[in-house]
N, C-alpha and C. Protein backbone atom coordinates (compact mmCIF):
# COMPACT_ATOMS: atom_id res chain seq x y z
N UNK A 1 -14.81 1.04 -18.03
CA UNK A 1 -14.04 0.71 -16.83
C UNK A 1 -14.33 -0.73 -16.40
N UNK A 2 -13.29 -1.49 -16.14
CA UNK A 2 -13.44 -2.85 -15.63
C UNK A 2 -12.91 -2.92 -14.21
N UNK A 3 -13.78 -3.25 -13.26
CA UNK A 3 -13.34 -3.47 -11.88
C UNK A 3 -13.03 -4.95 -11.72
N UNK A 4 -11.81 -5.25 -11.36
CA UNK A 4 -11.37 -6.63 -11.19
C UNK A 4 -11.55 -7.02 -9.73
N UNK A 5 -12.30 -8.07 -9.48
CA UNK A 5 -12.51 -8.53 -8.11
C UNK A 5 -11.32 -9.34 -7.64
N UNK A 6 -11.16 -9.42 -6.35
CA UNK A 6 -9.98 -10.06 -5.75
C UNK A 6 -9.84 -11.52 -6.14
N UNK A 7 -8.59 -11.93 -6.29
CA UNK A 7 -8.24 -13.35 -6.43
C UNK A 7 -7.40 -13.76 -5.22
N UNK A 8 -7.78 -13.25 -4.06
CA UNK A 8 -7.11 -13.55 -2.79
C UNK A 8 -5.71 -12.94 -2.70
N UNK A 9 -5.40 -11.93 -3.53
CA UNK A 9 -4.10 -11.27 -3.44
C UNK A 9 -3.95 -10.58 -2.09
N UNK A 10 -2.71 -10.53 -1.60
CA UNK A 10 -2.43 -9.91 -0.32
C UNK A 10 -1.45 -8.77 -0.43
N UNK A 11 -1.40 -7.96 0.60
CA UNK A 11 -0.45 -6.85 0.68
C UNK A 11 0.03 -6.73 2.12
N UNK A 12 1.34 -6.73 2.30
CA UNK A 12 1.96 -6.47 3.60
C UNK A 12 2.53 -5.07 3.52
N UNK A 13 2.17 -4.19 4.48
CA UNK A 13 2.47 -2.77 4.33
C UNK A 13 3.01 -2.15 5.62
N UNK A 14 4.23 -2.53 6.05
CA UNK A 14 4.82 -1.89 7.22
C UNK A 14 5.31 -0.48 6.91
N UNK A 15 5.11 0.44 7.85
CA UNK A 15 5.69 1.79 7.72
C UNK A 15 6.39 2.15 9.01
N UNK A 16 7.44 2.96 8.91
CA UNK A 16 8.33 3.17 10.06
C UNK A 16 9.22 4.37 9.85
N UNK A 17 9.85 4.81 10.93
CA UNK A 17 10.87 5.87 10.92
C UNK A 17 12.24 5.27 11.18
N UNK A 18 13.26 6.13 11.15
CA UNK A 18 14.63 5.69 11.40
C UNK A 18 15.50 6.91 11.73
N UNK A 19 16.47 6.71 12.61
CA UNK A 19 17.45 7.77 12.88
C UNK A 19 18.22 8.09 11.61
N UNK A 20 18.44 9.38 11.36
CA UNK A 20 19.04 9.81 10.10
C UNK A 20 20.41 9.19 9.87
N UNK A 21 21.21 9.02 10.92
CA UNK A 21 22.56 8.49 10.72
C UNK A 21 22.59 6.98 10.49
N UNK A 22 21.44 6.31 10.59
CA UNK A 22 21.36 4.87 10.34
C UNK A 22 20.85 4.55 8.93
N UNK A 23 20.32 5.54 8.23
CA UNK A 23 19.59 5.29 7.00
C UNK A 23 20.48 4.71 5.91
N UNK A 24 21.64 5.27 5.65
CA UNK A 24 22.47 4.84 4.53
C UNK A 24 22.84 3.35 4.64
N UNK A 25 23.33 2.93 5.78
CA UNK A 25 23.70 1.53 5.97
C UNK A 25 22.51 0.61 5.92
N UNK A 26 21.40 1.06 6.49
CA UNK A 26 20.19 0.25 6.49
C UNK A 26 19.68 0.02 5.07
N UNK A 27 19.61 1.08 4.26
CA UNK A 27 19.11 0.94 2.90
C UNK A 27 20.02 0.07 2.04
N UNK A 28 21.32 0.17 2.26
CA UNK A 28 22.26 -0.69 1.52
C UNK A 28 21.97 -2.16 1.82
N UNK A 29 21.72 -2.47 3.09
CA UNK A 29 21.38 -3.84 3.48
C UNK A 29 20.00 -4.25 2.97
N UNK A 30 19.02 -3.37 3.13
CA UNK A 30 17.65 -3.71 2.77
C UNK A 30 17.51 -3.96 1.28
N UNK A 31 18.03 -3.05 0.47
CA UNK A 31 17.86 -3.15 -0.98
C UNK A 31 18.83 -4.14 -1.62
N UNK A 32 20.00 -4.26 -1.05
CA UNK A 32 21.01 -5.12 -1.64
C UNK A 32 20.96 -6.57 -1.18
N UNK A 33 20.35 -6.81 0.00
CA UNK A 33 20.39 -8.15 0.58
C UNK A 33 19.02 -8.65 1.01
N UNK A 34 18.37 -7.93 1.91
CA UNK A 34 17.20 -8.49 2.58
C UNK A 34 15.99 -8.63 1.66
N UNK A 35 15.62 -7.58 0.94
CA UNK A 35 14.42 -7.67 0.10
C UNK A 35 14.60 -8.65 -1.06
N UNK A 36 15.75 -8.65 -1.77
CA UNK A 36 15.92 -9.70 -2.80
C UNK A 36 15.84 -11.11 -2.22
N UNK A 37 16.39 -11.32 -1.03
CA UNK A 37 16.30 -12.64 -0.40
C UNK A 37 14.85 -12.98 -0.06
N UNK A 38 14.09 -11.99 0.39
CA UNK A 38 12.69 -12.20 0.71
C UNK A 38 11.90 -12.65 -0.51
N UNK A 39 12.18 -12.06 -1.66
CA UNK A 39 11.48 -12.45 -2.89
C UNK A 39 11.84 -13.86 -3.32
N UNK A 40 13.09 -14.24 -3.15
CA UNK A 40 13.52 -15.59 -3.51
C UNK A 40 12.79 -16.62 -2.65
N UNK A 41 12.53 -16.29 -1.39
CA UNK A 41 11.85 -17.21 -0.47
C UNK A 41 10.47 -17.60 -1.00
N UNK A 42 9.80 -16.69 -1.73
CA UNK A 42 8.62 -17.09 -2.47
C UNK A 42 7.26 -16.69 -1.96
N UNK A 43 7.15 -16.17 -0.75
CA UNK A 43 5.84 -15.77 -0.24
C UNK A 43 5.37 -14.44 -0.81
N UNK A 44 6.29 -13.67 -1.38
CA UNK A 44 5.97 -12.37 -1.96
C UNK A 44 6.27 -12.39 -3.45
N UNK A 45 5.41 -11.73 -4.24
CA UNK A 45 5.57 -11.68 -5.70
C UNK A 45 6.35 -10.46 -6.14
N UNK A 46 6.25 -9.37 -5.41
CA UNK A 46 6.91 -8.12 -5.77
C UNK A 46 6.97 -7.23 -4.54
N UNK A 47 7.99 -6.39 -4.48
CA UNK A 47 8.16 -5.49 -3.34
C UNK A 47 8.56 -4.11 -3.86
N UNK A 48 7.94 -3.07 -3.33
CA UNK A 48 8.35 -1.69 -3.57
C UNK A 48 8.61 -1.02 -2.22
N UNK A 49 9.66 -0.20 -2.18
CA UNK A 49 10.02 0.53 -0.96
C UNK A 49 9.94 2.02 -1.26
N UNK A 50 9.35 2.77 -0.32
CA UNK A 50 9.04 4.18 -0.55
C UNK A 50 9.60 5.07 0.57
N UNK A 51 9.84 6.33 0.17
CA UNK A 51 10.22 7.37 1.13
C UNK A 51 9.16 8.46 1.09
N UNK A 52 8.92 9.09 2.23
CA UNK A 52 7.80 10.01 2.37
C UNK A 52 7.96 11.27 1.53
N UNK A 53 6.86 11.66 0.91
CA UNK A 53 6.68 13.00 0.38
C UNK A 53 5.91 13.82 1.41
N UNK A 54 4.82 13.22 1.87
CA UNK A 54 3.98 13.84 2.91
C UNK A 54 3.41 12.73 3.77
N UNK A 55 4.04 12.45 4.90
CA UNK A 55 3.63 11.34 5.77
C UNK A 55 4.30 11.48 7.12
N UNK A 56 3.64 11.01 8.19
CA UNK A 56 4.25 11.07 9.52
C UNK A 56 5.50 10.20 9.65
N UNK A 57 5.54 9.09 8.89
CA UNK A 57 6.67 8.17 8.99
C UNK A 57 7.43 8.14 7.66
N UNK A 58 8.75 8.04 7.74
CA UNK A 58 9.60 8.27 6.58
C UNK A 58 9.52 7.16 5.53
N UNK A 59 9.37 5.90 5.96
CA UNK A 59 9.47 4.78 5.02
C UNK A 59 8.19 3.95 5.01
N UNK A 60 7.89 3.43 3.81
CA UNK A 60 6.74 2.57 3.61
C UNK A 60 7.14 1.43 2.69
N UNK A 61 6.86 0.19 3.10
CA UNK A 61 7.04 -0.97 2.26
C UNK A 61 5.68 -1.45 1.76
N UNK A 62 5.59 -1.81 0.49
CA UNK A 62 4.39 -2.40 -0.09
C UNK A 62 4.80 -3.71 -0.74
N UNK A 63 4.45 -4.81 -0.08
CA UNK A 63 4.91 -6.14 -0.47
C UNK A 63 3.70 -6.96 -0.91
N UNK A 64 3.66 -7.33 -2.19
CA UNK A 64 2.53 -8.04 -2.77
C UNK A 64 2.69 -9.55 -2.57
N UNK A 65 1.61 -10.18 -2.12
CA UNK A 65 1.59 -11.63 -1.91
C UNK A 65 0.63 -12.28 -2.91
N UNK A 66 0.99 -13.44 -3.46
CA UNK A 66 0.08 -14.13 -4.38
C UNK A 66 -1.23 -14.53 -3.71
N UNK A 67 -1.20 -14.67 -2.40
CA UNK A 67 -2.40 -14.95 -1.63
C UNK A 67 -2.22 -14.34 -0.24
N UNK A 68 -3.24 -13.68 0.29
CA UNK A 68 -3.07 -13.08 1.60
C UNK A 68 -2.80 -14.12 2.68
N UNK A 69 -3.22 -15.36 2.45
CA UNK A 69 -2.96 -16.42 3.44
C UNK A 69 -1.51 -16.87 3.44
N UNK A 70 -0.74 -16.52 2.39
CA UNK A 70 0.67 -16.94 2.35
C UNK A 70 1.51 -16.20 3.37
N UNK A 71 0.95 -15.14 3.97
CA UNK A 71 1.69 -14.40 5.00
C UNK A 71 2.04 -15.31 6.17
N UNK A 72 1.20 -16.28 6.46
CA UNK A 72 1.44 -17.20 7.57
C UNK A 72 1.70 -18.63 7.06
N UNK A 73 2.19 -18.75 5.84
CA UNK A 73 2.42 -20.07 5.27
C UNK A 73 3.55 -20.80 5.99
N UNK A 74 3.52 -22.13 5.92
CA UNK A 74 4.57 -22.93 6.55
C UNK A 74 5.93 -22.63 5.95
N UNK A 75 5.97 -22.41 4.63
CA UNK A 75 7.24 -22.11 3.98
C UNK A 75 7.85 -20.82 4.45
N UNK A 76 7.00 -19.81 4.63
CA UNK A 76 7.51 -18.52 5.09
C UNK A 76 8.02 -18.62 6.53
N UNK A 77 7.29 -19.31 7.37
CA UNK A 77 7.71 -19.47 8.76
C UNK A 77 9.02 -20.26 8.84
N UNK A 78 9.17 -21.26 7.98
CA UNK A 78 10.40 -22.04 7.97
C UNK A 78 11.57 -21.19 7.47
N UNK A 79 11.34 -20.38 6.45
CA UNK A 79 12.39 -19.50 5.94
C UNK A 79 12.83 -18.50 7.00
N UNK A 80 11.90 -18.04 7.82
CA UNK A 80 12.25 -17.08 8.87
C UNK A 80 13.22 -17.67 9.88
N UNK A 81 13.15 -18.97 10.09
CA UNK A 81 14.07 -19.62 11.03
C UNK A 81 15.50 -19.64 10.52
N UNK A 82 15.67 -19.51 9.20
CA UNK A 82 17.01 -19.59 8.61
C UNK A 82 17.63 -18.22 8.34
N UNK A 83 16.96 -17.16 8.75
CA UNK A 83 17.49 -15.83 8.49
C UNK A 83 18.77 -15.58 9.29
N UNK A 84 19.72 -14.84 8.72
CA UNK A 84 20.94 -14.49 9.46
C UNK A 84 20.62 -13.68 10.71
N UNK A 85 21.50 -13.77 11.68
CA UNK A 85 21.30 -13.03 12.93
C UNK A 85 21.25 -11.53 12.70
N UNK A 86 21.91 -11.06 11.65
CA UNK A 86 21.95 -9.63 11.36
C UNK A 86 20.58 -9.05 11.04
N UNK A 87 19.63 -9.90 10.62
CA UNK A 87 18.31 -9.40 10.27
C UNK A 87 17.64 -8.75 11.48
N UNK A 88 17.69 -9.42 12.63
CA UNK A 88 17.08 -8.85 13.83
C UNK A 88 17.74 -7.53 14.21
N UNK A 89 19.05 -7.44 14.04
CA UNK A 89 19.77 -6.21 14.37
C UNK A 89 19.33 -5.06 13.46
N UNK A 90 19.20 -5.34 12.17
CA UNK A 90 18.80 -4.29 11.24
C UNK A 90 17.33 -3.91 11.42
N UNK A 91 16.48 -4.90 11.67
CA UNK A 91 15.07 -4.60 11.88
C UNK A 91 14.86 -3.74 13.13
N UNK A 92 15.75 -3.89 14.10
CA UNK A 92 15.64 -3.11 15.34
C UNK A 92 15.87 -1.62 15.09
N UNK A 93 16.42 -1.26 13.94
CA UNK A 93 16.63 0.14 13.60
C UNK A 93 15.34 0.84 13.21
N UNK A 94 14.32 0.06 12.88
CA UNK A 94 13.04 0.65 12.51
C UNK A 94 12.35 1.19 13.76
N UNK A 95 11.95 2.45 13.71
CA UNK A 95 11.33 3.10 14.86
C UNK A 95 9.83 3.27 14.63
N UNK A 96 9.05 2.91 15.64
CA UNK A 96 7.61 3.11 15.58
C UNK A 96 6.93 2.35 14.45
N UNK A 97 7.45 1.18 14.13
CA UNK A 97 6.91 0.43 13.00
C UNK A 97 5.47 -0.02 13.25
N UNK A 98 4.63 0.17 12.24
CA UNK A 98 3.26 -0.35 12.24
C UNK A 98 3.16 -1.34 11.10
N UNK A 99 2.80 -2.58 11.39
CA UNK A 99 2.74 -3.66 10.40
C UNK A 99 1.27 -3.99 10.13
N UNK A 100 0.85 -3.77 8.89
CA UNK A 100 -0.52 -4.07 8.51
C UNK A 100 -0.53 -5.08 7.37
N UNK A 101 -1.49 -5.96 7.40
CA UNK A 101 -1.59 -7.07 6.46
C UNK A 101 -2.99 -7.03 5.86
N UNK A 102 -3.08 -6.93 4.52
CA UNK A 102 -4.35 -6.69 3.85
C UNK A 102 -4.68 -7.77 2.82
N UNK A 103 -5.97 -7.90 2.55
CA UNK A 103 -6.46 -8.69 1.43
C UNK A 103 -7.02 -7.72 0.39
N UNK A 104 -6.64 -7.93 -0.88
CA UNK A 104 -7.17 -7.07 -1.94
C UNK A 104 -8.62 -7.44 -2.22
N UNK A 105 -9.48 -6.43 -2.29
CA UNK A 105 -10.90 -6.64 -2.56
C UNK A 105 -11.20 -6.42 -4.04
N UNK A 106 -10.68 -5.32 -4.60
CA UNK A 106 -10.94 -4.99 -6.00
C UNK A 106 -9.92 -3.98 -6.49
N UNK A 107 -9.81 -3.89 -7.81
CA UNK A 107 -8.91 -2.91 -8.42
C UNK A 107 -9.41 -2.57 -9.81
N UNK A 108 -8.92 -1.43 -10.34
CA UNK A 108 -9.21 -1.05 -11.72
C UNK A 108 -8.00 -0.29 -12.25
N UNK A 109 -7.74 -0.45 -13.53
CA UNK A 109 -6.62 0.24 -14.17
C UNK A 109 -6.98 1.67 -14.50
N UNK A 110 -5.96 2.54 -14.43
CA UNK A 110 -6.11 3.92 -14.83
C UNK A 110 -5.55 4.15 -16.22
N UNK A 111 -5.54 5.40 -16.69
CA UNK A 111 -5.06 5.69 -18.04
C UNK A 111 -3.57 5.44 -18.24
N UNK A 112 -2.78 5.37 -17.15
CA UNK A 112 -1.34 5.12 -17.27
C UNK A 112 -1.00 3.69 -16.84
N UNK A 113 -1.94 2.76 -16.98
CA UNK A 113 -1.70 1.37 -16.59
C UNK A 113 -0.42 0.86 -17.22
N UNK A 114 0.39 0.15 -16.42
CA UNK A 114 1.70 -0.30 -16.86
C UNK A 114 1.63 -1.71 -17.43
N UNK A 115 2.80 -2.26 -17.76
CA UNK A 115 2.91 -3.58 -18.36
C UNK A 115 2.76 -4.70 -17.36
N UNK A 116 3.43 -5.82 -17.62
CA UNK A 116 3.19 -7.04 -16.83
C UNK A 116 3.83 -7.05 -15.44
N UNK A 117 4.71 -6.10 -15.13
CA UNK A 117 5.35 -6.11 -13.82
C UNK A 117 4.35 -5.98 -12.68
N UNK A 118 4.64 -6.62 -11.56
CA UNK A 118 3.71 -6.61 -10.43
C UNK A 118 4.02 -5.51 -9.42
N UNK A 119 5.26 -5.05 -9.36
CA UNK A 119 5.65 -4.08 -8.35
C UNK A 119 4.83 -2.80 -8.48
N UNK A 120 4.40 -2.26 -7.34
CA UNK A 120 3.61 -1.03 -7.32
C UNK A 120 4.50 0.14 -7.74
N UNK A 121 3.90 1.13 -8.40
CA UNK A 121 4.62 2.12 -9.18
C UNK A 121 5.37 3.21 -8.45
N UNK A 122 5.86 4.22 -9.22
CA UNK A 122 6.80 5.22 -8.72
C UNK A 122 6.28 6.13 -7.62
N UNK A 123 4.97 6.31 -7.51
CA UNK A 123 4.42 7.21 -6.49
C UNK A 123 3.05 6.70 -6.06
N UNK A 124 2.73 6.86 -4.78
CA UNK A 124 1.45 6.34 -4.28
C UNK A 124 0.82 7.31 -3.28
N UNK A 125 -0.49 7.30 -3.28
CA UNK A 125 -1.29 7.90 -2.21
C UNK A 125 -2.01 6.76 -1.51
N UNK A 126 -1.87 6.68 -0.20
CA UNK A 126 -2.57 5.68 0.60
C UNK A 126 -3.56 6.39 1.51
N UNK A 127 -4.78 5.89 1.54
CA UNK A 127 -5.80 6.38 2.46
C UNK A 127 -6.20 5.23 3.38
N UNK A 128 -5.99 5.42 4.68
CA UNK A 128 -6.36 4.42 5.68
C UNK A 128 -7.47 4.99 6.55
N UNK A 129 -8.55 4.21 6.75
CA UNK A 129 -9.69 4.77 7.47
C UNK A 129 -10.63 3.65 7.91
N UNK A 130 -11.55 4.01 8.80
CA UNK A 130 -12.64 3.12 9.22
C UNK A 130 -13.95 3.71 8.73
N UNK A 131 -14.96 2.85 8.62
CA UNK A 131 -16.30 3.29 8.23
C UNK A 131 -17.29 2.77 9.26
N UNK A 132 -18.14 3.65 9.76
CA UNK A 132 -19.15 3.24 10.73
C UNK A 132 -19.99 2.10 10.17
N UNK A 133 -20.31 1.11 11.00
CA UNK A 133 -21.00 -0.10 10.56
C UNK A 133 -22.29 0.22 9.82
N UNK A 134 -23.08 1.12 10.35
CA UNK A 134 -24.38 1.41 9.74
C UNK A 134 -24.23 2.16 8.41
N UNK A 135 -23.06 2.75 8.16
CA UNK A 135 -22.84 3.52 6.94
C UNK A 135 -22.17 2.72 5.83
N UNK A 136 -21.79 1.48 6.11
CA UNK A 136 -21.03 0.71 5.12
C UNK A 136 -21.79 0.44 3.83
N UNK A 137 -23.10 0.14 3.86
CA UNK A 137 -23.80 -0.03 2.58
C UNK A 137 -23.73 1.21 1.69
N UNK A 138 -23.93 2.40 2.28
CA UNK A 138 -23.85 3.63 1.50
C UNK A 138 -22.43 3.88 1.01
N UNK A 139 -21.45 3.62 1.86
CA UNK A 139 -20.06 3.82 1.46
C UNK A 139 -19.70 2.89 0.30
N UNK A 140 -20.07 1.63 0.39
CA UNK A 140 -19.75 0.68 -0.67
C UNK A 140 -20.45 1.04 -1.98
N UNK A 141 -21.67 1.57 -1.88
CA UNK A 141 -22.38 1.99 -3.08
C UNK A 141 -21.66 3.15 -3.74
N UNK A 142 -21.25 4.14 -2.95
CA UNK A 142 -20.48 5.29 -3.50
C UNK A 142 -19.19 4.82 -4.13
N UNK A 143 -18.49 3.93 -3.44
CA UNK A 143 -17.19 3.47 -3.94
C UNK A 143 -17.34 2.77 -5.29
N UNK A 144 -18.31 1.85 -5.38
CA UNK A 144 -18.47 1.07 -6.60
C UNK A 144 -19.13 1.82 -7.74
N UNK A 145 -20.10 2.67 -7.41
CA UNK A 145 -20.89 3.31 -8.47
C UNK A 145 -20.31 4.64 -8.92
N UNK A 146 -19.52 5.29 -8.05
CA UNK A 146 -18.97 6.58 -8.43
C UNK A 146 -17.45 6.64 -8.34
N UNK A 147 -16.89 6.30 -7.18
CA UNK A 147 -15.49 6.63 -6.94
C UNK A 147 -14.53 5.85 -7.84
N UNK A 148 -14.81 4.60 -8.09
CA UNK A 148 -13.95 3.86 -9.01
C UNK A 148 -13.90 4.56 -10.37
N UNK A 149 -15.06 4.97 -10.86
CA UNK A 149 -15.12 5.66 -12.15
C UNK A 149 -14.39 6.97 -12.14
N UNK A 150 -14.47 7.72 -11.04
CA UNK A 150 -13.73 8.98 -10.92
C UNK A 150 -12.23 8.72 -10.87
N UNK A 151 -11.83 7.73 -10.07
CA UNK A 151 -10.41 7.49 -9.84
C UNK A 151 -9.70 7.03 -11.11
N UNK A 152 -10.32 6.14 -11.87
CA UNK A 152 -9.60 5.56 -13.01
C UNK A 152 -9.44 6.55 -14.17
N UNK A 153 -10.03 7.73 -14.06
CA UNK A 153 -9.84 8.76 -15.08
C UNK A 153 -8.80 9.80 -14.67
N UNK A 154 -8.17 9.62 -13.51
CA UNK A 154 -7.15 10.57 -13.07
C UNK A 154 -5.92 10.44 -13.97
N UNK A 155 -5.45 11.56 -14.48
CA UNK A 155 -4.27 11.56 -15.35
C UNK A 155 -3.05 11.05 -14.59
N UNK A 156 -2.33 10.12 -15.21
CA UNK A 156 -1.13 9.57 -14.59
C UNK A 156 -1.39 8.43 -13.64
N UNK A 157 -2.65 8.05 -13.43
CA UNK A 157 -2.97 6.94 -12.53
C UNK A 157 -2.71 5.60 -13.22
N UNK A 158 -1.95 4.74 -12.56
CA UNK A 158 -1.75 3.38 -13.07
C UNK A 158 -2.87 2.45 -12.62
N UNK A 159 -3.20 2.51 -11.32
CA UNK A 159 -4.28 1.66 -10.83
C UNK A 159 -4.85 2.25 -9.55
N UNK A 160 -6.08 1.83 -9.26
CA UNK A 160 -6.74 2.16 -8.00
C UNK A 160 -7.15 0.85 -7.37
N UNK A 161 -6.77 0.64 -6.10
CA UNK A 161 -6.98 -0.65 -5.45
C UNK A 161 -7.64 -0.45 -4.08
N UNK A 162 -8.55 -1.36 -3.76
CA UNK A 162 -9.17 -1.36 -2.43
C UNK A 162 -8.73 -2.60 -1.67
N UNK A 163 -8.34 -2.39 -0.40
CA UNK A 163 -7.93 -3.48 0.48
C UNK A 163 -8.71 -3.42 1.78
N UNK A 164 -8.88 -4.59 2.41
CA UNK A 164 -9.40 -4.68 3.77
C UNK A 164 -8.35 -5.37 4.64
N UNK A 165 -8.21 -4.89 5.87
CA UNK A 165 -7.18 -5.39 6.77
C UNK A 165 -7.50 -6.81 7.24
N UNK A 166 -6.50 -7.68 7.14
CA UNK A 166 -6.54 -8.99 7.76
C UNK A 166 -5.98 -8.89 9.17
N UNK A 167 -4.94 -8.08 9.32
CA UNK A 167 -4.35 -7.75 10.62
C UNK A 167 -4.05 -6.27 10.63
N UNK A 168 -4.38 -5.61 11.73
CA UNK A 168 -4.09 -4.19 11.85
C UNK A 168 -5.33 -3.33 11.72
N UNK A 169 -5.17 -2.09 12.09
CA UNK A 169 -6.24 -1.10 12.03
C UNK A 169 -5.68 0.18 11.38
N UNK A 170 -6.56 0.98 10.77
CA UNK A 170 -7.98 0.77 10.50
C UNK A 170 -8.21 -0.28 9.42
N UNK A 171 -9.46 -0.62 9.20
CA UNK A 171 -9.78 -1.78 8.35
C UNK A 171 -9.65 -1.51 6.86
N UNK A 172 -9.81 -0.26 6.44
CA UNK A 172 -9.86 0.05 5.02
C UNK A 172 -8.58 0.71 4.54
N UNK A 173 -8.14 0.31 3.35
CA UNK A 173 -7.01 0.95 2.68
C UNK A 173 -7.38 1.14 1.22
N UNK A 174 -7.26 2.38 0.73
CA UNK A 174 -7.36 2.68 -0.69
C UNK A 174 -5.97 3.07 -1.17
N UNK A 175 -5.54 2.47 -2.28
CA UNK A 175 -4.21 2.72 -2.81
C UNK A 175 -4.34 3.27 -4.24
N UNK A 176 -3.83 4.49 -4.43
CA UNK A 176 -3.81 5.13 -5.74
C UNK A 176 -2.36 5.09 -6.23
N UNK A 177 -2.12 4.38 -7.31
CA UNK A 177 -0.77 4.16 -7.83
C UNK A 177 -0.55 5.05 -9.05
N UNK A 178 0.51 5.88 -9.02
CA UNK A 178 0.78 6.84 -10.09
C UNK A 178 2.09 6.53 -10.80
N UNK A 179 2.17 7.03 -12.05
CA UNK A 179 3.39 6.80 -12.83
C UNK A 179 4.46 7.85 -12.57
N UNK A 180 4.14 8.88 -11.78
CA UNK A 180 5.13 9.91 -11.46
C UNK A 180 4.72 10.67 -10.21
N UNK A 181 5.70 11.28 -9.56
CA UNK A 181 5.43 12.11 -8.40
C UNK A 181 4.61 13.33 -8.80
N UNK A 182 4.87 13.87 -10.00
CA UNK A 182 4.14 15.05 -10.47
C UNK A 182 2.65 14.76 -10.60
N UNK A 183 2.31 13.59 -11.15
CA UNK A 183 0.90 13.22 -11.28
C UNK A 183 0.24 13.05 -9.91
N UNK A 184 0.98 12.46 -8.98
CA UNK A 184 0.46 12.28 -7.62
C UNK A 184 0.13 13.61 -6.97
N UNK A 185 1.01 14.60 -7.16
CA UNK A 185 0.88 15.88 -6.46
C UNK A 185 -0.07 16.86 -7.14
N UNK A 186 -0.68 16.43 -8.25
CA UNK A 186 -1.58 17.33 -8.97
C UNK A 186 -2.89 17.59 -8.24
N UNK A 187 -3.19 16.79 -7.21
CA UNK A 187 -4.38 17.02 -6.39
C UNK A 187 -5.65 16.37 -6.87
N UNK A 188 -5.55 15.49 -7.86
CA UNK A 188 -6.76 14.89 -8.42
C UNK A 188 -7.44 13.93 -7.46
N UNK A 189 -6.67 13.23 -6.62
CA UNK A 189 -7.29 12.31 -5.65
C UNK A 189 -8.21 13.09 -4.74
N UNK A 190 -7.74 14.21 -4.24
CA UNK A 190 -8.55 15.02 -3.33
C UNK A 190 -9.83 15.49 -4.00
N UNK A 191 -9.74 15.84 -5.29
CA UNK A 191 -10.93 16.35 -5.99
C UNK A 191 -12.00 15.26 -6.14
N UNK A 192 -11.58 13.99 -6.25
CA UNK A 192 -12.58 12.92 -6.37
C UNK A 192 -13.37 12.72 -5.09
N UNK A 193 -12.88 13.30 -3.98
CA UNK A 193 -13.58 13.21 -2.71
C UNK A 193 -14.44 14.45 -2.43
N UNK A 194 -14.65 15.30 -3.44
CA UNK A 194 -15.42 16.54 -3.23
C UNK A 194 -16.73 16.56 -4.02
N UNK A 195 -17.12 15.44 -4.62
CA UNK A 195 -18.41 15.39 -5.32
C UNK A 195 -19.53 15.43 -4.28
N UNK A 196 -20.74 15.76 -4.68
CA UNK A 196 -21.86 15.78 -3.73
C UNK A 196 -22.03 14.45 -2.99
N UNK A 197 -21.92 13.35 -3.71
CA UNK A 197 -22.09 12.04 -3.08
C UNK A 197 -20.95 11.77 -2.10
N UNK A 198 -19.71 12.10 -2.50
CA UNK A 198 -18.57 11.90 -1.60
C UNK A 198 -18.73 12.72 -0.32
N UNK A 199 -19.19 13.95 -0.46
CA UNK A 199 -19.38 14.79 0.73
C UNK A 199 -20.46 14.22 1.64
N UNK A 200 -21.45 13.58 1.04
CA UNK A 200 -22.53 12.99 1.84
C UNK A 200 -22.03 11.84 2.71
N UNK A 201 -21.13 11.01 2.17
CA UNK A 201 -20.66 9.85 2.94
C UNK A 201 -19.44 10.19 3.81
N UNK A 202 -18.80 11.33 3.58
CA UNK A 202 -17.57 11.67 4.31
C UNK A 202 -17.70 11.64 5.83
N UNK A 203 -18.82 12.09 6.42
CA UNK A 203 -18.92 12.05 7.89
C UNK A 203 -18.82 10.65 8.48
N UNK A 204 -19.09 9.62 7.69
CA UNK A 204 -19.03 8.24 8.19
C UNK A 204 -17.62 7.66 8.07
N UNK A 205 -16.69 8.39 7.43
CA UNK A 205 -15.33 7.92 7.22
C UNK A 205 -14.45 8.50 8.32
N UNK A 206 -13.87 7.62 9.15
CA UNK A 206 -13.10 8.04 10.31
C UNK A 206 -11.62 7.89 10.02
N UNK A 207 -10.90 9.01 9.98
CA UNK A 207 -9.48 9.01 9.68
C UNK A 207 -8.67 9.11 10.97
N UNK A 208 -7.37 8.70 10.87
CA UNK A 208 -6.47 8.90 12.00
C UNK A 208 -5.24 9.67 11.53
N UNK A 209 -4.22 9.79 12.38
CA UNK A 209 -3.05 10.62 12.08
C UNK A 209 -2.27 10.11 10.87
N UNK A 210 -2.35 8.84 10.59
CA UNK A 210 -1.60 8.25 9.48
C UNK A 210 -2.53 7.90 8.32
N UNK A 211 -3.64 8.64 8.21
CA UNK A 211 -4.67 8.26 7.26
C UNK A 211 -4.26 8.52 5.81
N UNK A 212 -3.91 9.74 5.47
CA UNK A 212 -3.54 10.09 4.10
C UNK A 212 -2.03 10.30 4.04
N UNK A 213 -1.37 9.49 3.23
CA UNK A 213 0.09 9.61 3.10
C UNK A 213 0.48 9.55 1.63
N UNK A 214 1.56 10.26 1.30
CA UNK A 214 2.08 10.31 -0.06
C UNK A 214 3.54 9.86 -0.02
N UNK A 215 3.90 8.95 -0.93
CA UNK A 215 5.26 8.40 -0.94
C UNK A 215 5.81 8.32 -2.37
N UNK A 216 7.14 8.47 -2.49
CA UNK A 216 7.86 8.23 -3.74
C UNK A 216 8.67 6.94 -3.61
N UNK A 217 8.74 6.17 -4.68
CA UNK A 217 9.42 4.90 -4.65
C UNK A 217 10.94 5.09 -4.75
N UNK A 218 11.69 4.34 -3.93
CA UNK A 218 13.15 4.40 -3.97
C UNK A 218 13.77 3.06 -4.34
N UNK A 219 12.97 1.99 -4.40
CA UNK A 219 13.49 0.66 -4.79
C UNK A 219 12.29 -0.22 -5.12
N UNK A 220 12.46 -1.11 -6.10
CA UNK A 220 11.42 -2.11 -6.36
C UNK A 220 12.02 -3.29 -7.10
N UNK A 221 11.34 -4.41 -6.98
CA UNK A 221 11.71 -5.62 -7.71
C UNK A 221 10.48 -6.51 -7.80
N UNK A 222 10.29 -7.14 -8.96
CA UNK A 222 9.17 -8.05 -9.13
C UNK A 222 8.20 -7.58 -10.19
């Protein structure tokens, strides 16, 4: 197993709901116009859009940045000034949106690692949580010495990635990327959290209502 340390890669990960009668028109605009235009602007390398399998909010965007600092780059801010007026109208359809901005810390490939494309795969499990300050050394030891090794052997796993929040809470995000919805739903992620060591550190891991979510991909580019 090779754990790849961060090269300052970033992830923008807004999640949100929407009124059912607005979804069709919104997705036509988002997938056909807005997201392709966002990629052309250059601050993002790849974008995947997801719909909930098991999550409080229906939609999740995972937008990869070549550098987490590019989120506030001068070029991106200048491009935002040139957006059509319709963008604000369509964005207003998003209900209860939570916008989180992360820096990638490390990643490792799984047995179903894909080719050169950057877009995150067909199905994902996201775990968002905080870790008590005094427990972080033990948590980091478990993650590096055991959990990475457990995760990268999950059947159908493309990659396992760790992120820390640059903006937003909670601070930690673990992303398990799968090559199919069936592999995601097999329950292997949950089993990697039931080892004796995982059970020992679990009390220090603080979850919230949006902590564990499962999504299927409905659009991607990059």
